[in-house]
Amino acid sequence: MALPLIRIAAACAAGYYFYKRFAPRPTGSTTNASDAVDDIGLRPNASHDEKVDAGVQETFPASDPVSVKPSETAYERQLRERAAKAN
């Protein structure tokens, strides 16, 4: 009775070994690059330094240049302030 159980256990162990050895493995990174970057909140009246800091945080990978978005013009700021006063 013990001999058939040993054969079954050996066959299962061999099957598991070959399954693990020849199973396809993921290539490259298994993480998404967007998971590495947090959502960056930047207030509308942010200073130049805050904008640069946010641009540095949004840069991935570190070898990329800093991605600072263009700031609003004085005219756009006046329109935004007028809209805020009107509400």
PDB file of N, CA and C in Angstrom:
ATOM      1  N   MET A   1       0.817  -1.193   0.000  1.00  0.00           N
ATOM      2  CA  MET A   1       0.000   0.000   0.000  1.00  0.00           C
ATOM      3  C   MET A   1       0.863   1.260   0.000  1.00  0.00           C
ATOM      4  N   ALA A   2       1.970   1.238   0.706  1.00  0.00           N
ATOM      5  CA  ALA A   2       2.827   2.414   0.806  1.00  0.00           C
ATOM      6  C   ALA A   2       3.553   2.689  -0.501  1.00  0.00           C
ATOM      7  N   LEU A   3       3.893   1.660  -1.261  1.00  0.00           N
ATOM      8  CA  LEU A   3       4.631   1.845  -2.504  1.00  0.00           C
ATOM      9  C   LEU A   3       3.839   2.642  -3.543  1.00  0.00           C
ATOM     10  N   PRO A   4       2.528   2.372  -3.769  1.00  0.00           N
ATOM     11  CA  PRO A   4       1.795   3.203  -4.723  1.00  0.00           C
ATOM     12  C   PRO A   4       1.681   4.674  -4.264  1.00  0.00           C
ATOM     13  N   LEU A   5       1.553   4.903  -2.965  1.00  0.00           N
ATOM     14  CA  LEU A   5       1.476   6.277  -2.463  1.00  0.00           C
ATOM     15  C   LEU A   5       2.789   7.024  -2.681  1.00  0.00           C
ATOM     16  N   ILE A   6       3.900   6.312  -2.511  1.00  0.00           N
ATOM     17  CA  ILE A   6       5.204   6.934  -2.741  1.00  0.00           C
ATOM     18  C   ILE A   6       5.363   7.275  -4.212  1.00  0.00           C
ATOM     19  N   ARG A   7       4.925   6.385  -5.099  1.00  0.00           N
ATOM     20  CA  ARG A   7       5.000   6.653  -6.541  1.00  0.00           C
ATOM     21  C   ARG A   7       4.125   7.852  -6.921  1.00  0.00           C
ATOM     22  N   ILE A   8       2.931   7.922  -6.356  1.00  0.00           N
ATOM     23  CA  ILE A   8       2.039   9.051  -6.644  1.00  0.00           C
ATOM     24  C   ILE A   8       2.661  10.348  -6.135  1.00  0.00           C
ATOM     25  N   ALA A   9       3.228  10.333  -4.937  1.00  0.00           N
ATOM     26  CA  ALA A   9       3.865  11.525  -4.378  1.00  0.00           C
ATOM     27  C   ALA A   9       5.073  11.939  -5.218  1.00  0.00           C
ATOM     28  N   ALA A  10       5.862  10.985  -5.672  1.00  0.00           N
ATOM     29  CA  ALA A  10       7.028  11.287  -6.502  1.00  0.00           C
ATOM     30  C   ALA A  10       6.581  11.872  -7.846  1.00  0.00           C
ATOM     31  N   ALA A  11       5.510  11.310  -8.422  1.00  0.00           N
ATOM     32  CA  ALA A  11       5.009  11.828  -9.695  1.00  0.00           C
ATOM     33  C   ALA A  11       4.476  13.249  -9.525  1.00  0.00           C
ATOM     34  N   CYS A  12       3.782  13.510  -8.432  1.00  0.00           N
ATOM     35  CA  CYS A  12       3.281  14.864  -8.172  1.00  0.00           C
ATOM     36  C   CYS A  12       4.424  15.847  -7.970  1.00  0.00           C
ATOM     37  N   ALA A  13       5.443  15.423  -7.223  1.00  0.00           N
ATOM     38  CA  ALA A  13       6.591  16.296  -6.991  1.00  0.00           C
ATOM     39  C   ALA A  13       7.323  16.586  -8.297  1.00  0.00           C
ATOM     40  N   ALA A  14       7.490  15.575  -9.143  1.00  0.00           N
ATOM     41  CA  ALA A  14       8.158  15.784 -10.420  1.00  0.00           C
ATOM     42  C   ALA A  14       7.330  16.708 -11.318  1.00  0.00           C
ATOM     43  N   GLY A  15       6.027  16.516 -11.317  1.00  0.00           N
ATOM     44  CA  GLY A  15       5.152  17.372 -12.113  1.00  0.00           C
ATOM     45  C   GLY A  15       5.221  18.821 -11.652  1.00  0.00           C
ATOM     46  N   TYR A  16       5.214  19.032 -10.365  1.00  0.00           N
ATOM     47  CA  TYR A  16       5.307  20.383  -9.816  1.00  0.00           C
ATOM     48  C   TYR A  16       6.653  21.019 -10.158  1.00  0.00           C
ATOM     49  N   TYR A  17       7.728  20.242 -10.054  1.00  0.00           N
ATOM     50  CA  TYR A  17       9.063  20.742 -10.370  1.00  0.00           C
ATOM     51  C   TYR A  17       9.134  21.200 -11.825  1.00  0.00           C
ATOM     52  N   PHE A  18       8.665  20.367 -12.743  1.00  0.00           N
ATOM     53  CA  PHE A  18       8.737  20.726 -14.162  1.00  0.00           C
ATOM     54  C   PHE A  18       7.775  21.862 -14.511  1.00  0.00           C
ATOM     55  N   TYR A  19       6.635  21.916 -13.837  1.00  0.00           N
ATOM     56  CA  TYR A  19       5.706  23.025 -14.050  1.00  0.00           C
ATOM     57  C   TYR A  19       6.363  24.345 -13.657  1.00  0.00           C
ATOM     58  N   LYS A  20       6.995  24.388 -12.492  1.00  0.00           N
ATOM     59  CA  LYS A  20       7.645  25.614 -12.025  1.00  0.00           C
ATOM     60  C   LYS A  20       8.867  25.973 -12.870  1.00  0.00           C
ATOM     61  N   ARG A  21       9.570  24.943 -13.347  1.00  0.00           N
ATOM     62  CA  ARG A  21      10.794  25.202 -14.104  1.00  0.00           C
ATOM     63  C   ARG A  21      10.498  25.756 -15.496  1.00  0.00           C
ATOM     64  N   PHE A  22       9.464  25.272 -16.151  1.00  0.00           N
ATOM     65  CA  PHE A  22       9.182  25.651 -17.527  1.00  0.00           C
ATOM     66  C   PHE A  22       7.974  26.565 -17.677  1.00  0.00           C
ATOM     67  N   ALA A  23       7.429  27.040 -16.579  1.00  0.00           N
ATOM     68  CA  ALA A  23       6.293  27.961 -16.639  1.00  0.00           C
ATOM     69  C   ALA A  23       6.769  29.299 -17.202  1.00  0.00           C
ATOM     70  N   PRO A  24       5.947  29.960 -18.012  1.00  0.00           N
ATOM     71  CA  PRO A  24       6.361  31.264 -18.545  1.00  0.00           C
ATOM     72  C   PRO A  24       6.500  32.280 -17.412  1.00  0.00           C
ATOM     73  N   ARG A  25       7.550  33.069 -17.494  1.00  0.00           N
ATOM     74  CA  ARG A  25       7.813  34.080 -16.473  1.00  0.00           C
ATOM     75  C   ARG A  25       7.591  35.455 -17.073  1.00  0.00           C
ATOM     76  N   PRO A  26       7.116  36.397 -16.282  1.00  0.00           N
ATOM     77  CA  PRO A  26       6.919  37.753 -16.810  1.00  0.00           C
ATOM     78  C   PRO A  26       8.267  38.380 -17.160  1.00  0.00           C
ATOM     79  N   THR A  27       8.280  39.101 -18.261  1.00  0.00           N
ATOM     80  CA  THR A  27       9.505  39.784 -18.666  1.00  0.00           C
ATOM     81  C   THR A  27       9.393  41.255 -18.307  1.00  0.00           C
ATOM     82  N   GLY A  28      10.485  41.852 -17.962  1.00  0.00           N
ATOM     83  CA  GLY A  28      10.495  43.265 -17.632  1.00  0.00           C
ATOM     84  C   GLY A  28       9.865  43.547 -16.281  1.00  0.00           C
ATOM     85  N   SER A  29       9.483  44.769 -16.110  1.00  0.00           N
ATOM     86  CA  SER A  29       8.896  45.206 -14.859  1.00  0.00           C
ATOM     87  C   SER A  29       7.436  44.779 -14.785  1.00  0.00           C
ATOM     88  N   THR A  30       7.021  44.329 -13.631  1.00  0.00           N
ATOM     89  CA  THR A  30       5.627  43.933 -13.444  1.00  0.00           C
ATOM     90  C   THR A  30       4.786  45.055 -12.864  1.00  0.00           C
ATOM     91  N   THR A  31       5.399  46.227 -12.667  1.00  0.00           N
ATOM     92  CA  THR A  31       4.646  47.364 -12.151  1.00  0.00           C
ATOM     93  C   THR A  31       4.351  48.339 -13.279  1.00  0.00           C
ATOM     94  N   ASN A  32       3.308  49.065 -13.121  1.00  0.00           N
ATOM     95  CA  ASN A  32       2.939  50.080 -14.090  1.00  0.00           C
ATOM     96  C   ASN A  32       3.631  51.381 -13.692  1.00  0.00           C
ATOM     97  N   ALA A  33       4.176  52.087 -14.657  1.00  0.00           N
ATOM     98  CA  ALA A  33       4.905  53.317 -14.347  1.00  0.00           C
ATOM     99  C   ALA A  33       3.998  54.354 -13.699  1.00  0.00           C
ATOM    100  N   SER A  34       2.726  54.362 -14.061  1.00  0.00           N
ATOM    101  CA  SER A  34       1.832  55.345 -13.467  1.00  0.00           C
ATOM    102  C   SER A  34       1.564  55.049 -11.994  1.00  0.00           C
ATOM    103  N   ASP A  35       1.793  53.795 -11.563  1.00  0.00           N
ATOM    104  CA  ASP A  35       1.634  53.486 -10.147  1.00  0.00           C
ATOM    105  C   ASP A  35       2.739  54.108  -9.312  1.00  0.00           C
ATOM    106  N   ALA A  36       3.864  54.371  -9.938  1.00  0.00           N
ATOM    107  CA  ALA A  36       4.995  54.915  -9.196  1.00  0.00           C
ATOM    108  C   ALA A  36       4.857  56.404  -8.935  1.00  0.00           C
ATOM    109  N   VAL A  37       3.976  57.067  -9.639  1.00  0.00           N
ATOM    110  CA  VAL A  37       3.808  58.509  -9.505  1.00  0.00           C
ATOM    111  C   VAL A  37       2.488  58.785  -8.786  1.00  0.00           C
ATOM    112  N   ASP A  38       2.560  59.534  -7.724  1.00  0.00           N
ATOM    113  CA  ASP A  38       1.343  59.910  -6.998  1.00  0.00           C
ATOM    114  C   ASP A  38       0.629  61.024  -7.758  1.00  0.00           C
ATOM    115  N   ASP A  39      -0.645  61.181  -7.471  1.00  0.00           N
ATOM    116  CA  ASP A  39      -1.369  62.310  -8.044  1.00  0.00           C
ATOM    117  C   ASP A  39      -0.859  63.589  -7.385  1.00  0.00           C
ATOM    118  N   ILE A  40      -0.440  64.515  -8.211  1.00  0.00           N
ATOM    119  CA  ILE A  40       0.145  65.754  -7.715  1.00  0.00           C
ATOM    120  C   ILE A  40      -0.921  66.832  -7.743  1.00  0.00           C
ATOM    121  N   GLY A  41      -1.211  67.415  -6.598  1.00  0.00           N
ATOM    122  CA  GLY A  41      -2.180  68.501  -6.526  1.00  0.00           C
ATOM    123  C   GLY A  41      -1.440  69.829  -6.494  1.00  0.00           C
ATOM    124  N   LEU A  42      -1.829  70.726  -7.377  1.00  0.00           N
ATOM    125  CA  LEU A  42      -1.173  72.024  -7.449  1.00  0.00           C
ATOM    126  C   LEU A  42      -2.257  73.090  -7.414  1.00  0.00           C
ATOM    127  N   ARG A  43      -2.172  73.983  -6.462  1.00  0.00           N
ATOM    128  CA  ARG A  43      -3.205  75.015  -6.323  1.00  0.00           C
ATOM    129  C   ARG A  43      -3.091  76.032  -7.453  1.00  0.00           C
ATOM    130  N   PRO A  44      -4.166  76.737  -7.783  1.00  0.00           N
ATOM    131  CA  PRO A  44      -4.142  77.681  -8.909  1.00  0.00           C
ATOM    132  C   PRO A  44      -3.133  78.817  -8.750  1.00  0.00           C
ATOM    133  N   ASN A  45      -2.926  79.311  -7.551  1.00  0.00           N
ATOM    134  CA  ASN A  45      -2.002  80.428  -7.334  1.00  0.00           C
ATOM    135  C   ASN A  45      -0.637  79.945  -6.859  1.00  0.00           C
ATOM    136  N   ALA A  46      -0.186  78.816  -7.354  1.00  0.00           N
ATOM    137  CA  ALA A  46       1.077  78.243  -6.901  1.00  0.00           C
ATOM    138  C   ALA A  46       2.253  79.119  -7.326  1.00  0.00           C
ATOM    139  N   SER A  47       3.244  79.171  -6.465  1.00  0.00           N
ATOM    140  CA  SER A  47       4.443  79.943  -6.789  1.00  0.00           C
ATOM    141  C   SER A  47       5.296  79.171  -7.790  1.00  0.00           C
ATOM    142  N   HIS A  48       6.296  79.838  -8.311  1.00  0.00           N
ATOM    143  CA  HIS A  48       7.190  79.205  -9.280  1.00  0.00           C
ATOM    144  C   HIS A  48       7.884  77.992  -8.665  1.00  0.00           C
ATOM    145  N   ASP A  49       8.322  78.122  -7.413  1.00  0.00           N
ATOM    146  CA  ASP A  49       9.004  77.017  -6.743  1.00  0.00           C
ATOM    147  C   ASP A  49       8.077  75.811  -6.567  1.00  0.00           C
ATOM    148  N   GLU A  50       6.813  76.069  -6.230  1.00  0.00           N
ATOM    149  CA  GLU A  50       5.853  74.970  -6.077  1.00  0.00           C
ATOM    150  C   GLU A  50       5.615  74.260  -7.405  1.00  0.00           C
ATOM    151  N   LYS A  51       5.582  75.027  -8.493  1.00  0.00           N
ATOM    152  CA  LYS A  51       5.394  74.430  -9.809  1.00  0.00           C
ATOM    153  C   LYS A  51       6.586  73.566 -10.194  1.00  0.00           C
ATOM    154  N   VAL A  52       7.781  74.035  -9.896  1.00  0.00           N
ATOM    155  CA  VAL A  52       8.979  73.245 -10.195  1.00  0.00           C
ATOM    156  C   VAL A  52       8.997  71.982  -9.339  1.00  0.00           C
ATOM    157  N   ASP A  53       8.636  72.105  -8.058  1.00  0.00           N
ATOM    158  CA  ASP A  53       8.585  70.929  -7.184  1.00  0.00           C
ATOM    159  C   ASP A  53       7.590  69.904  -7.702  1.00  0.00           C
ATOM    160  N   ALA A  54       6.426  70.366  -8.142  1.00  0.00           N
ATOM    161  CA  ALA A  54       5.426  69.447  -8.693  1.00  0.00           C
ATOM    162  C   ALA A  54       5.936  68.811  -9.985  1.00  0.00           C
ATOM    163  N   GLY A  55       6.641  69.586 -10.804  1.00  0.00           N
ATOM    164  CA  GLY A  55       7.201  69.036 -12.034  1.00  0.00           C
ATOM    165  C   GLY A  55       8.239  67.969 -11.757  1.00  0.00           C
ATOM    166  N   VAL A  56       9.040  68.179 -10.727  1.00  0.00           N
ATOM    167  CA  VAL A  56      10.042  67.178 -10.358  1.00  0.00           C
ATOM    168  C   VAL A  56       9.356  65.905  -9.872  1.00  0.00           C
ATOM    169  N   GLN A  57       8.283  66.027  -9.109  1.00  0.00           N
ATOM    170  CA  GLN A  57       7.562  64.858  -8.624  1.00  0.00           C
ATOM    171  C   GLN A  57       6.896  64.096  -9.765  1.00  0.00           C
ATOM    172  N   GLU A  58       6.458  64.804 -10.810  1.00  0.00           N
ATOM    173  CA  GLU A  58       5.790  64.153 -11.933  1.00  0.00           C
ATOM    174  C   GLU A  58       6.766  63.504 -12.894  1.00  0.00           C
ATOM    175  N   THR A  59       8.048  63.805 -12.772  1.00  0.00           N
ATOM    176  CA  THR A  59       9.042  63.284 -13.701  1.00  0.00           C
ATOM    177  C   THR A  59       9.355  61.840 -13.372  1.00  0.00           C
ATOM    178  N   PHE A  60       9.160  60.955 -14.359  1.00  0.00           N
ATOM    179  CA  PHE A  60       9.472  59.531 -14.184  1.00  0.00           C
ATOM    180  C   PHE A  60       9.932  58.998 -15.510  1.00  0.00           C
ATOM    181  N   PRO A  61      11.001  58.340 -15.633  1.00  0.00           N
ATOM    182  CA  PRO A  61      12.039  58.097 -14.635  1.00  0.00           C
ATOM    183  C   PRO A  61      12.897  59.330 -14.430  1.00  0.00           C
ATOM    184  N   ALA A  62      13.831  59.215 -13.539  1.00  0.00           N
ATOM    185  CA  ALA A  62      14.628  60.377 -13.152  1.00  0.00           C
ATOM    186  C   ALA A  62      15.479  60.912 -14.295  1.00  0.00           C
ATOM    187  N   SER A  63      15.708  60.123 -15.335  1.00  0.00           N
ATOM    188  CA  SER A  63      16.537  60.596 -16.444  1.00  0.00           C
ATOM    189  C   SER A  63      15.774  61.540 -17.368  1.00  0.00           C
ATOM    190  N   ASP A  64      14.443  61.606 -17.248  1.00  0.00           N
ATOM    191  CA  ASP A  64      13.655  62.510 -18.076  1.00  0.00           C
ATOM    192  C   ASP A  64      13.821  63.947 -17.590  1.00  0.00           C
ATOM    193  N   PRO A  65      13.669  64.923 -18.480  1.00  0.00           N
ATOM    194  CA  PRO A  65      13.737  66.316 -18.034  1.00  0.00           C
ATOM    195  C   PRO A  65      12.511  66.663 -17.189  1.00  0.00           C
ATOM    196  N   VAL A  66      12.644  67.672 -16.369  1.00  0.00           N
ATOM    197  CA  VAL A  66      11.537  68.100 -15.504  1.00  0.00           C
ATOM    198  C   VAL A  66      10.395  68.603 -16.379  1.00  0.00           C
ATOM    199  N   SER A  67       9.183  68.152 -16.087  1.00  0.00           N
ATOM    200  CA  SER A  67       8.024  68.521 -16.901  1.00  0.00           C
ATOM    201  C   SER A  67       7.167  69.538 -16.169  1.00  0.00           C
ATOM    202  N   VAL A  68       7.526  70.783 -16.298  1.00  0.00           N
ATOM    203  CA  VAL A  68       6.757  71.859 -15.677  1.00  0.00           C
ATOM    204  C   VAL A  68       5.773  72.369 -16.712  1.00  0.00           C
ATOM    205  N   LYS A  69       4.506  72.381 -16.347  1.00  0.00           N
ATOM    206  CA  LYS A  69       3.465  72.863 -17.253  1.00  0.00           C
ATOM    207  C   LYS A  69       3.526  74.384 -17.333  1.00  0.00           C
ATOM    208  N   PRO A  70       3.170  74.965 -18.478  1.00  0.00           N
ATOM    209  CA  PRO A  70       3.221  76.426 -18.581  1.00  0.00           C
ATOM    210  C   PRO A  70       2.259  77.072 -17.588  1.00  0.00           C
ATOM    211  N   SER A  71       2.705  78.165 -17.005  1.00  0.00           N
ATOM    212  CA  SER A  71       1.860  78.857 -16.030  1.00  0.00           C
ATOM    213  C   SER A  71       0.835  79.716 -16.751  1.00  0.00           C
ATOM    214  N   GLU A  72      -0.165  80.176 -16.018  1.00  0.00           N
ATOM    215  CA  GLU A  72      -1.196  81.013 -16.626  1.00  0.00           C
ATOM    216  C   GLU A  72      -0.660  82.428 -16.838  1.00  0.00           C
ATOM    217  N   THR A  73      -1.176  83.060 -17.840  1.00  0.00           N
ATOM    218  CA  THR A  73      -0.770  84.433 -18.139  1.00  0.00           C
ATOM    219  C   THR A  73      -1.507  85.396 -17.211  1.00  0.00           C
ATOM    220  N   ALA A  74      -1.081  86.641 -17.207  1.00  0.00           N
ATOM    221  CA  ALA A  74      -1.730  87.654 -16.378  1.00  0.00           C
ATOM    222  C   ALA A  74      -3.182  87.836 -16.807  1.00  0.00           C
ATOM    223  N   TYR A  75      -3.423  87.765 -18.113  1.00  0.00           N
ATOM    224  CA  TYR A  75      -4.790  87.895 -18.616  1.00  0.00           C
ATOM    225  C   TYR A  75      -5.663  86.736 -18.126  1.00  0.00           C
ATOM    226  N   GLU A  76      -5.130  85.523 -18.164  1.00  0.00           N
ATOM    227  CA  GLU A  76      -5.892  84.370 -17.679  1.00  0.00           C
ATOM    228  C   GLU A  76      -6.164  84.486 -16.180  1.00  0.00           C
ATOM    229  N   ARG A  77      -5.189  85.016 -15.431  1.00  0.00           N
ATOM    230  CA  ARG A  77      -5.393  85.190 -13.991  1.00  0.00           C
ATOM    231  C   ARG A  77      -6.490  86.216 -13.736  1.00  0.00           C
ATOM    232  N   GLN A  78      -6.525  87.326 -14.513  1.00  0.00           N
ATOM    233  CA  GLN A  78      -7.579  88.327 -14.358  1.00  0.00           C
ATOM    234  C   GLN A  78      -8.941  87.727 -14.667  1.00  0.00           C
ATOM    235  N   LEU A  79      -9.029  86.920 -15.724  1.00  0.00           N
ATOM    236  CA  LEU A  79     -10.304  86.274 -16.045  1.00  0.00           C
ATOM    237  C   LEU A  79     -10.746  85.342 -14.926  1.00  0.00           C
ATOM    238  N   ARG A  80      -9.810  84.573 -14.364  1.00  0.00           N
ATOM    239  CA  ARG A  80     -10.142  83.655 -13.285  1.00  0.00           C
ATOM    240  C   ARG A  80     -10.590  84.416 -12.052  1.00  0.00           C
ATOM    241  N   GLU A  81      -9.911  85.530 -11.724  1.00  0.00           N
ATOM    242  CA  GLU A  81     -10.294  86.328 -10.565  1.00  0.00           C
ATOM    243  C   GLU A  81     -11.652  86.986 -10.755  1.00  0.00           C
ATOM    244  N   ARG A  82     -11.942  87.468 -11.963  1.00  0.00           N
ATOM    245  CA  ARG A  82     -13.260  88.048 -12.246  1.00  0.00           C
ATOM    246  C   ARG A  82     -14.355  86.994 -12.110  1.00  0.00           C
ATOM    247  N   ALA A  83     -14.081  85.798 -12.600  1.00  0.00           N
ATOM    248  CA  ALA A  83     -15.074  84.725 -12.498  1.00  0.00           C
ATOM    249  C   ALA A  83     -15.300  84.345 -11.035  1.00  0.00           C
ATOM    250  N   ALA A  84     -14.233  84.374 -10.237  1.00  0.00           N
ATOM    251  CA  ALA A  84     -14.369  84.046  -8.819  1.00  0.00           C
ATOM    252  C   ALA A  84     -15.167  85.121  -8.083  1.00  0.00           C
ATOM    253  N   LYS A  85     -14.962  86.395  -8.459  1.00  0.00           N
ATOM    254  CA  LYS A  85     -15.707  87.484  -7.825  1.00  0.00           C
ATOM    255  C   LYS A  85     -17.165  87.444  -8.212  1.00  0.00           C
ATOM    256  N   ALA A  86     -17.449  87.054  -9.451  1.00  0.00           N
ATOM    257  CA  ALA A  86     -18.823  87.006  -9.940  1.00  0.00           C
ATOM    258  C   ALA A  86     -19.623  85.907  -9.236  1.00  0.00           C
ATOM    259  N   ASN A  87     -18.951  84.862  -8.810  1.00  0.00           N
ATOM    260  CA  ASN A  87     -19.660  83.751  -8.141  1.00  0.00           C
ATOM    261  C   ASN A  87     -19.784  84.057  -6.728  1.00  0.00           C
TER     262      ASN A  87
END
